[in-house]
Amino acid sequence: MIPTPVKVAVPATLLAPVAVPVLHGLAGIAVIGLGIFAAGSIVTKTVRAFTGSPVPRKSVDDSPLS
């Protein structure tokens, strides 16, 4: 049988060159998502400033039925 440290070390050395690009890819996705969120927030605040409604208006259809 193969000793346990070798069973762990061999896959780790094979995956090590792939780990850094994967980590950079995940970080890139997070940064892009943060940028999209920030842009959406700015657009929403700008539209609310120009329309003069700080909170969304509720229509009759949004009222709860009692």
Protein backbone atom coordinates (compact mmCIF):
# COMPACT_ATOMS: atom_id res chain seq x y z
CA MET A 1 0.00 0.00 0.00
CA ILE A 2 1.01 3.61 -0.54
CA PRO A 3 1.56 5.61 2.67
CA THR A 4 -1.04 8.28 3.50
CA PRO A 5 1.31 11.32 3.18
CA VAL A 6 2.12 10.26 -0.38
CA LYS A 7 -1.59 9.93 -1.19
CA VAL A 8 -2.04 13.54 -0.10
CA ALA A 9 1.20 15.01 -1.48
CA VAL A 10 0.97 13.75 -5.06
CA PRO A 11 -2.47 15.24 -5.89
CA ALA A 12 -1.47 18.46 -4.10
CA THR A 13 1.64 18.85 -6.26
CA LEU A 14 -0.37 18.12 -9.40
CA LEU A 15 -3.02 20.71 -8.51
CA ALA A 16 -0.63 23.41 -7.26
CA PRO A 17 0.04 24.98 -10.69
CA VAL A 18 -3.71 25.22 -11.31
CA ALA A 19 -4.57 26.73 -7.92
CA VAL A 20 -3.16 30.22 -8.55
CA PRO A 21 -5.04 30.88 -11.83
CA VAL A 22 -8.26 29.55 -10.29
CA LEU A 23 -7.81 31.84 -7.30
CA HIS A 24 -7.19 34.81 -9.59
CA GLY A 25 -10.28 33.92 -11.60
CA LEU A 26 -12.46 33.81 -8.49
CA ALA A 27 -11.04 37.12 -7.30
CA GLY A 28 -11.75 38.63 -10.72
CA ILE A 29 -15.35 37.45 -10.61
CA ALA A 30 -15.74 39.00 -7.15
CA VAL A 31 -14.29 42.34 -8.31
CA ILE A 32 -16.52 42.42 -11.40
CA GLY A 33 -19.56 41.61 -9.28
CA LEU A 34 -18.70 44.40 -6.88
CA GLY A 35 -18.34 46.81 -9.81
CA ILE A 36 -21.73 45.83 -11.21
CA PHE A 37 -23.31 46.27 -7.77
CA ALA A 38 -21.73 49.71 -7.36
CA ALA A 39 -22.84 50.81 -10.83
CA GLY A 40 -26.38 49.64 -10.16
CA SER A 41 -26.48 51.53 -6.87
CA ILE A 42 -25.29 54.72 -8.54
CA VAL A 43 -27.85 54.40 -11.34
CA THR A 44 -30.65 53.77 -8.84
CA LYS A 45 -29.67 56.77 -6.71
CA THR A 46 -29.41 58.99 -9.79
CA VAL A 47 -32.83 57.97 -11.09
CA ARG A 48 -34.40 58.55 -7.68
CA ALA A 49 -32.75 61.99 -7.46
CA PHE A 50 -34.08 63.05 -10.87
CA THR A 51 -37.58 61.65 -10.39
CA GLY A 52 -37.90 63.16 -6.93
CA SER A 53 -39.16 59.97 -5.29
CA PRO A 54 -36.85 58.75 -2.52
CA VAL A 55 -38.96 55.63 -2.02
CA PRO A 56 -40.72 53.59 -4.69
CA ARG A 57 -44.40 54.42 -5.05
CA LYS A 58 -46.94 51.77 -4.13
CA SER A 59 -49.83 51.18 -6.43
CA VAL A 60 -53.26 49.95 -5.46
CA ASP A 61 -52.24 46.45 -6.57
CA ASP A 62 -49.45 46.37 -3.96
CA SER A 63 -51.81 46.85 -1.02
CA PRO A 64 -52.48 43.75 1.08
CA LEU A 65 -55.96 42.28 0.90
CA SER A 66 -57.54 42.24 4.37
